[in-house]
Amino acid sequence: FFSSRRRHTRFLPVSWARRCVQETGYQRRVHGGIKHIKFWSLSGPNLKGQRGKTTGEFKPLICCDYAFGNKVCITGQQDGFLVMWQGDSAGKSIQAHKGSVQAICSTKTKLYTGGSDGAVIVLSLIHI
């Protein structure tokens, strides 16, 4: 018989964002879950991962997207906040919904979010 210890790391289902970054020539990906977020960069055959850094308690991540021309990664959290990530560090956060953030979609100038409160919010870069 074979037995092993399992480490319980939960990934949430809609937590992948991928966009090719034309100006740098590499791809960035991000995944997250209950207690973590990890940023990945792929350049040719080289894959490098970097765990996200935050100053406070990490809130469960529901969804994410690279926004505003791939300049910033934005994550939607279970508590209704949006967090803007610069590289692998958490930056500004704003309360977007009264319930969890369920969806994020972006263009070069607009950010659209949907929440469990039934609201759809449209933000522009100057509001963030």
N, C-alpha and C. Protein backbone atom coordinates (compact mmCIF):
# COMPACT_ATOMS: atom_id res chain seq x y z
N PHE A 1 0.83 -1.18 0.00
CA PHE A 1 0.00 0.00 0.00
C PHE A 1 0.87 1.24 0.00
N PHE A 2 0.36 2.26 -0.63
CA PHE A 2 1.08 3.52 -0.72
C PHE A 2 0.28 4.59 0.00
N SER A 3 0.93 5.32 0.85
CA SER A 3 0.26 6.45 1.49
C SER A 3 1.15 7.68 1.39
N SER A 4 0.53 8.81 1.32
CA SER A 4 1.29 10.06 1.26
C SER A 4 0.48 11.16 1.91
N ARG A 5 1.16 12.18 2.32
CA ARG A 5 0.48 13.34 2.86
C ARG A 5 0.14 14.26 1.71
N ARG A 6 -1.05 14.76 1.74
CA ARG A 6 -1.48 15.69 0.70
C ARG A 6 -1.56 17.08 1.29
N ARG A 7 -1.05 18.02 0.56
CA ARG A 7 -1.18 19.41 0.96
C ARG A 7 -2.41 19.97 0.27
N HIS A 8 -3.30 20.57 1.03
CA HIS A 8 -4.55 21.06 0.48
C HIS A 8 -4.40 22.50 0.01
N THR A 9 -4.17 22.67 -1.27
CA THR A 9 -4.13 23.99 -1.88
C THR A 9 -5.29 24.06 -2.84
N ARG A 10 -6.22 24.97 -2.58
CA ARG A 10 -7.40 25.06 -3.44
C ARG A 10 -7.22 26.14 -4.48
N PHE A 11 -7.50 25.79 -5.71
CA PHE A 11 -7.52 26.74 -6.81
C PHE A 11 -8.96 27.04 -7.14
N LEU A 12 -9.26 28.29 -7.37
CA LEU A 12 -10.61 28.65 -7.78
C LEU A 12 -10.71 28.57 -9.30
N PRO A 13 -11.87 28.25 -9.82
CA PRO A 13 -12.00 27.88 -11.22
C PRO A 13 -11.68 28.96 -12.25
N VAL A 14 -12.10 30.18 -12.05
CA VAL A 14 -11.92 31.20 -13.09
C VAL A 14 -10.81 32.14 -12.65
N SER A 15 -9.61 31.62 -12.56
CA SER A 15 -8.53 32.44 -12.05
C SER A 15 -7.31 32.46 -12.96
N TRP A 16 -7.52 32.22 -14.25
CA TRP A 16 -6.42 32.31 -15.20
C TRP A 16 -6.61 33.53 -16.08
N ALA A 17 -5.57 34.29 -16.25
CA ALA A 17 -5.59 35.41 -17.19
C ALA A 17 -4.33 35.29 -18.02
N ARG A 18 -4.46 35.43 -19.31
CA ARG A 18 -3.26 35.34 -20.15
C ARG A 18 -3.36 36.32 -21.29
N ARG A 19 -2.34 37.04 -21.47
CA ARG A 19 -2.23 37.99 -22.56
C ARG A 19 -0.78 38.04 -23.00
N CYS A 20 -0.55 38.08 -24.26
CA CYS A 20 0.81 38.21 -24.79
C CYS A 20 1.22 39.67 -24.70
N VAL A 21 2.38 39.92 -24.19
CA VAL A 21 2.88 41.28 -24.05
C VAL A 21 3.83 41.54 -25.22
N GLN A 22 3.35 42.27 -26.20
CA GLN A 22 4.09 42.47 -27.44
C GLN A 22 5.42 43.20 -27.24
N GLU A 23 5.43 44.22 -26.40
CA GLU A 23 6.64 45.03 -26.28
C GLU A 23 7.79 44.32 -25.58
N THR A 24 7.54 43.29 -24.78
CA THR A 24 8.62 42.59 -24.10
C THR A 24 8.95 41.25 -24.73
N GLY A 25 8.06 40.73 -25.55
CA GLY A 25 8.34 39.47 -26.22
C GLY A 25 8.11 38.24 -25.35
N TYR A 26 7.48 38.37 -24.21
CA TYR A 26 7.16 37.20 -23.40
C TYR A 26 5.71 37.24 -22.96
N GLN A 27 5.24 36.10 -22.53
CA GLN A 27 3.85 35.99 -22.08
C GLN A 27 3.80 35.99 -20.57
N ARG A 28 2.76 36.59 -20.03
CA ARG A 28 2.54 36.57 -18.58
C ARG A 28 1.25 35.83 -18.29
N ARG A 29 1.27 35.08 -17.22
CA ARG A 29 0.08 34.37 -16.77
C ARG A 29 0.00 34.55 -15.25
N VAL A 30 -1.21 34.42 -14.76
CA VAL A 30 -1.41 34.51 -13.32
C VAL A 30 -2.45 33.47 -12.92
N HIS A 31 -2.23 32.85 -11.79
CA HIS A 31 -3.26 31.97 -11.23
C HIS A 31 -3.33 32.22 -9.73
N GLY A 32 -4.45 31.92 -9.18
CA GLY A 32 -4.61 32.15 -7.75
C GLY A 32 -5.70 31.29 -7.18
N GLY A 33 -5.91 31.47 -5.90
CA GLY A 33 -6.92 30.68 -5.23
C GLY A 33 -7.24 31.23 -3.87
N ILE A 34 -7.43 30.34 -2.92
CA ILE A 34 -7.87 30.71 -1.58
C ILE A 34 -6.81 31.53 -0.84
N LYS A 35 -5.57 31.09 -0.84
CA LYS A 35 -4.54 31.76 -0.04
C LYS A 35 -3.29 32.14 -0.84
N HIS A 36 -3.40 32.25 -2.14
CA HIS A 36 -2.20 32.56 -2.91
C HIS A 36 -2.53 33.19 -4.27
N ILE A 37 -1.50 33.81 -4.83
CA ILE A 37 -1.52 34.25 -6.22
C ILE A 37 -0.09 34.07 -6.72
N LYS A 38 0.04 33.61 -7.95
CA LYS A 38 1.36 33.39 -8.51
C LYS A 38 1.39 33.93 -9.93
N PHE A 39 2.44 34.69 -10.23
CA PHE A 39 2.62 35.29 -11.54
C PHE A 39 3.69 34.50 -12.28
N TRP A 40 3.42 34.22 -13.55
CA TRP A 40 4.32 33.42 -14.37
C TRP A 40 4.73 34.23 -15.59
N SER A 41 5.99 34.08 -16.01
CA SER A 41 6.43 34.67 -17.27
C SER A 41 7.06 33.56 -18.10
N LEU A 42 6.75 33.56 -19.38
CA LEU A 42 7.24 32.55 -20.31
C LEU A 42 7.99 33.26 -21.42
N SER A 43 9.27 32.96 -21.53
CA SER A 43 10.11 33.52 -22.58
C SER A 43 10.83 32.35 -23.25
N GLY A 44 10.40 32.02 -24.47
CA GLY A 44 10.95 30.84 -25.14
C GLY A 44 10.63 29.61 -24.31
N PRO A 45 11.66 28.78 -24.00
CA PRO A 45 11.40 27.59 -23.19
C PRO A 45 11.48 27.85 -21.69
N ASN A 46 11.73 29.08 -21.28
CA ASN A 46 11.94 29.39 -19.86
C ASN A 46 10.65 29.87 -19.19
N LEU A 47 10.26 29.16 -18.14
CA LEU A 47 9.07 29.51 -17.36
C LEU A 47 9.53 29.88 -15.95
N LYS A 48 9.16 31.09 -15.52
CA LYS A 48 9.57 31.57 -14.20
C LYS A 48 8.33 31.97 -13.41
N GLY A 49 8.21 31.49 -12.19
CA GLY A 49 7.09 31.81 -11.33
C GLY A 49 7.50 32.68 -10.16
N GLN A 50 6.63 33.59 -9.78
CA GLN A 50 6.88 34.49 -8.66
C GLN A 50 5.61 34.60 -7.83
N ARG A 51 5.69 34.27 -6.56
CA ARG A 51 4.53 34.36 -5.68
C ARG A 51 4.20 35.82 -5.40
N GLY A 52 2.91 36.16 -5.41
CA GLY A 52 2.48 37.52 -5.16
C GLY A 52 2.72 37.96 -3.72
N LYS A 53 3.05 39.25 -3.57
CA LYS A 53 3.34 39.80 -2.25
C LYS A 53 2.25 40.79 -1.86
N THR A 54 1.77 40.66 -0.65
CA THR A 54 0.77 41.58 -0.12
C THR A 54 1.13 41.94 1.31
N THR A 55 0.74 43.12 1.74
CA THR A 55 1.09 43.56 3.09
C THR A 55 0.08 43.09 4.13
N GLY A 56 -1.13 42.81 3.71
CA GLY A 56 -2.16 42.37 4.65
C GLY A 56 -2.51 40.91 4.47
N GLU A 57 -3.65 40.55 5.03
CA GLU A 57 -4.15 39.19 4.89
C GLU A 57 -4.62 38.96 3.47
N PHE A 58 -4.29 37.81 2.90
CA PHE A 58 -4.69 37.49 1.54
C PHE A 58 -6.14 37.06 1.53
N LYS A 59 -6.94 37.68 0.69
CA LYS A 59 -8.36 37.34 0.55
C LYS A 59 -8.52 36.38 -0.63
N PRO A 60 -9.49 35.47 -0.58
CA PRO A 60 -9.69 34.53 -1.69
C PRO A 60 -9.91 35.24 -3.03
N LEU A 61 -9.19 34.78 -4.03
CA LEU A 61 -9.22 35.33 -5.38
C LEU A 61 -10.28 34.60 -6.19
N ILE A 62 -11.17 35.34 -6.83
CA ILE A 62 -12.24 34.75 -7.62
C ILE A 62 -11.94 34.84 -9.12
N CYS A 63 -11.44 35.99 -9.58
CA CYS A 63 -11.19 36.19 -11.00
C CYS A 63 -10.07 37.21 -11.20
N CYS A 64 -9.51 37.25 -12.41
CA CYS A 64 -8.44 38.20 -12.68
C CYS A 64 -8.32 38.45 -14.18
N ASP A 65 -7.67 39.56 -14.52
CA ASP A 65 -7.41 39.89 -15.91
C ASP A 65 -6.28 40.90 -15.97
N TYR A 66 -5.53 40.88 -17.06
CA TYR A 66 -4.57 41.95 -17.33
C TYR A 66 -5.34 43.06 -18.01
N ALA A 67 -5.21 44.28 -17.52
CA ALA A 67 -6.03 45.39 -18.00
C ALA A 67 -5.18 46.54 -18.50
N PHE A 68 -5.87 47.46 -19.18
CA PHE A 68 -5.29 48.71 -19.66
C PHE A 68 -4.00 48.47 -20.46
N GLY A 69 -4.14 47.69 -21.53
CA GLY A 69 -3.01 47.40 -22.39
C GLY A 69 -1.97 46.52 -21.74
N ASN A 70 -2.42 45.61 -20.87
CA ASN A 70 -1.56 44.64 -20.18
C ASN A 70 -0.59 45.29 -19.19
N LYS A 71 -0.87 46.50 -18.75
CA LYS A 71 0.03 47.19 -17.84
C LYS A 71 -0.15 46.77 -16.38
N VAL A 72 -1.34 46.32 -16.03
CA VAL A 72 -1.61 45.98 -14.63
C VAL A 72 -2.51 44.74 -14.58
N CYS A 73 -2.24 43.88 -13.59
CA CYS A 73 -3.10 42.74 -13.35
C CYS A 73 -4.10 43.16 -12.28
N ILE A 74 -5.36 42.90 -12.52
CA ILE A 74 -6.41 43.24 -11.56
C ILE A 74 -7.10 41.96 -11.12
N THR A 75 -7.20 41.78 -9.82
CA THR A 75 -7.88 40.60 -9.28
C THR A 75 -9.16 41.02 -8.57
N GLY A 76 -10.15 40.16 -8.67
CA GLY A 76 -11.41 40.36 -7.97
C GLY A 76 -11.48 39.39 -6.80
N GLN A 77 -11.83 39.91 -5.65
CA GLN A 77 -11.79 39.11 -4.44
C GLN A 77 -13.18 38.76 -3.93
N GLN A 78 -13.21 37.82 -3.03
CA GLN A 78 -14.46 37.34 -2.44
C GLN A 78 -15.15 38.43 -1.62
N ASP A 79 -14.38 39.38 -1.09
CA ASP A 79 -14.95 40.44 -0.26
C ASP A 79 -15.44 41.65 -1.05
N GLY A 80 -15.40 41.58 -2.40
CA GLY A 80 -15.90 42.67 -3.24
C GLY A 80 -14.86 43.68 -3.66
N PHE A 81 -13.61 43.50 -3.25
CA PHE A 81 -12.55 44.44 -3.60
C PHE A 81 -11.85 44.03 -4.89
N LEU A 82 -11.38 45.04 -5.62
CA LEU A 82 -10.47 44.86 -6.76
C LEU A 82 -9.08 45.24 -6.28
N VAL A 83 -8.08 44.45 -6.63
CA VAL A 83 -6.70 44.76 -6.27
C VAL A 83 -5.89 44.92 -7.54
N MET A 84 -5.15 46.03 -7.64
CA MET A 84 -4.27 46.29 -8.76
C MET A 84 -2.86 45.81 -8.40
N TRP A 85 -2.29 44.95 -9.22
CA TRP A 85 -0.96 44.39 -8.97
C TRP A 85 0.04 45.03 -9.91
N GLN A 86 1.12 45.53 -9.35
CA GLN A 86 2.24 46.03 -10.13
C GLN A 86 3.34 44.98 -10.03
N GLY A 87 3.60 44.29 -11.13
CA GLY A 87 4.53 43.17 -11.05
C GLY A 87 3.91 42.10 -10.17
N ASP A 88 4.64 41.69 -9.13
CA ASP A 88 4.11 40.67 -8.22
C ASP A 88 3.70 41.26 -6.87
N SER A 89 3.55 42.59 -6.78
CA SER A 89 3.19 43.23 -5.52
C SER A 89 1.81 43.86 -5.60
N ALA A 90 1.03 43.66 -4.54
CA ALA A 90 -0.30 44.25 -4.46
C ALA A 90 -0.18 45.75 -4.30
N GLY A 91 -1.00 46.46 -5.08
CA GLY A 91 -1.01 47.92 -5.00
C GLY A 91 -2.34 48.39 -4.47
N LYS A 92 -2.89 49.36 -5.13
CA LYS A 92 -4.16 49.98 -4.72
C LYS A 92 -5.30 48.96 -4.77
N SER A 93 -6.22 49.08 -3.81
CA SER A 93 -7.43 48.26 -3.85
C SER A 93 -8.63 49.18 -3.67
N ILE A 94 -9.72 48.81 -4.33
CA ILE A 94 -10.95 49.60 -4.23
C ILE A 94 -12.14 48.66 -4.03
N GLN A 95 -13.11 49.14 -3.27
CA GLN A 95 -14.35 48.39 -3.07
C GLN A 95 -15.20 48.55 -4.33
N ALA A 96 -15.48 47.46 -5.02
CA ALA A 96 -16.24 47.52 -6.26
C ALA A 96 -17.66 46.98 -6.09
N HIS A 97 -17.83 45.97 -5.27
CA HIS A 97 -19.13 45.31 -5.13
C HIS A 97 -19.44 45.04 -3.66
N LYS A 98 -20.72 44.89 -3.37
CA LYS A 98 -21.15 44.57 -2.01
C LYS A 98 -20.97 43.09 -1.72
N GLY A 99 -20.94 42.27 -2.75
CA GLY A 99 -20.65 40.85 -2.61
C GLY A 99 -19.35 40.56 -3.34
N SER A 100 -19.09 39.31 -3.63
CA SER A 100 -17.85 38.94 -4.30
C SER A 100 -17.81 39.44 -5.75
N VAL A 101 -16.60 39.68 -6.24
CA VAL A 101 -16.40 40.04 -7.64
C VAL A 101 -16.39 38.73 -8.42
N GLN A 102 -17.32 38.58 -9.36
CA GLN A 102 -17.48 37.32 -10.08
C GLN A 102 -16.84 37.31 -11.47
N ALA A 103 -16.65 38.50 -12.06
CA ALA A 103 -16.10 38.55 -13.42
C ALA A 103 -15.38 39.87 -13.64
N ILE A 104 -14.29 39.79 -14.42
CA ILE A 104 -13.53 40.97 -14.82
C ILE A 104 -13.23 40.83 -16.31
N CYS A 105 -13.44 41.91 -17.04
CA CYS A 105 -13.10 41.97 -18.46
C CYS A 105 -12.59 43.38 -18.73
N SER A 106 -11.63 43.51 -19.63
CA SER A 106 -11.06 44.83 -19.85
C SER A 106 -10.77 45.10 -21.32
N THR A 107 -10.68 46.40 -21.62
CA THR A 107 -10.19 46.88 -22.90
C THR A 107 -8.97 47.74 -22.58
N LYS A 108 -8.47 48.46 -23.55
CA LYS A 108 -7.31 49.32 -23.28
C LYS A 108 -7.65 50.49 -22.37
N THR A 109 -8.92 50.90 -22.33
CA THR A 109 -9.29 52.07 -21.53
C THR A 109 -10.36 51.81 -20.48
N LYS A 110 -11.05 50.69 -20.54
CA LYS A 110 -12.17 50.42 -19.63
C LYS A 110 -11.99 49.09 -18.91
N LEU A 111 -12.55 49.03 -17.70
CA LEU A 111 -12.57 47.80 -16.92
C LEU A 111 -14.03 47.53 -16.54
N TYR A 112 -14.50 46.33 -16.84
CA TYR A 112 -15.87 45.92 -16.54
C TYR A 112 -15.82 44.83 -15.48
N THR A 113 -16.62 44.99 -14.43
CA THR A 113 -16.68 43.96 -13.40
C THR A 113 -18.14 43.61 -13.12
N GLY A 114 -18.35 42.36 -12.78
CA GLY A 114 -19.67 41.89 -12.38
C GLY A 114 -19.56 41.25 -11.01
N GLY A 115 -20.55 41.49 -10.17
CA GLY A 115 -20.49 40.96 -8.81
C GLY A 115 -21.70 40.15 -8.43
N SER A 116 -21.58 39.45 -7.32
CA SER A 116 -22.70 38.66 -6.82
C SER A 116 -23.83 39.55 -6.31
N ASP A 117 -23.58 40.86 -6.21
CA ASP A 117 -24.63 41.81 -5.84
C ASP A 117 -25.53 42.16 -7.02
N GLY A 118 -25.23 41.61 -8.21
CA GLY A 118 -26.04 41.85 -9.40
C GLY A 118 -25.63 43.09 -10.19
N ALA A 119 -24.63 43.80 -9.73
CA ALA A 119 -24.21 45.03 -10.40
C ALA A 119 -23.10 44.76 -11.41
N VAL A 120 -23.12 45.54 -12.49
CA VAL A 120 -22.03 45.57 -13.45
C VAL A 120 -21.45 46.98 -13.36
N ILE A 121 -20.15 47.05 -13.11
CA ILE A 121 -19.50 48.34 -12.93
C ILE A 121 -18.51 48.56 -14.06
N VAL A 122 -18.49 49.78 -14.59
CA VAL A 122 -17.55 50.16 -15.64
C VAL A 122 -16.62 51.23 -15.07
N LEU A 123 -15.34 50.96 -15.09
CA LEU A 123 -14.33 51.90 -14.59
C LEU A 123 -13.39 52.27 -15.74
N SER A 124 -12.89 53.49 -15.71
CA SER A 124 -11.86 53.87 -16.68
C SER A 124 -10.54 54.03 -15.95
N LEU A 125 -9.48 54.07 -16.69
CA LEU A 125 -8.13 54.15 -16.10
C LEU A 125 -8.00 55.35 -15.18
N ILE A 126 -8.63 56.48 -15.50
CA ILE A 126 -8.49 57.66 -14.65
C ILE A 126 -9.21 57.51 -13.31
N HIS A 127 -10.18 56.60 -13.21
CA HIS A 127 -10.86 56.36 -11.94
C HIS A 127 -10.09 55.44 -11.02
N ILE A 128 -9.14 54.75 -11.57
CA ILE A 128 -8.35 53.79 -10.77
C ILE A 128 -7.03 54.42 -10.53
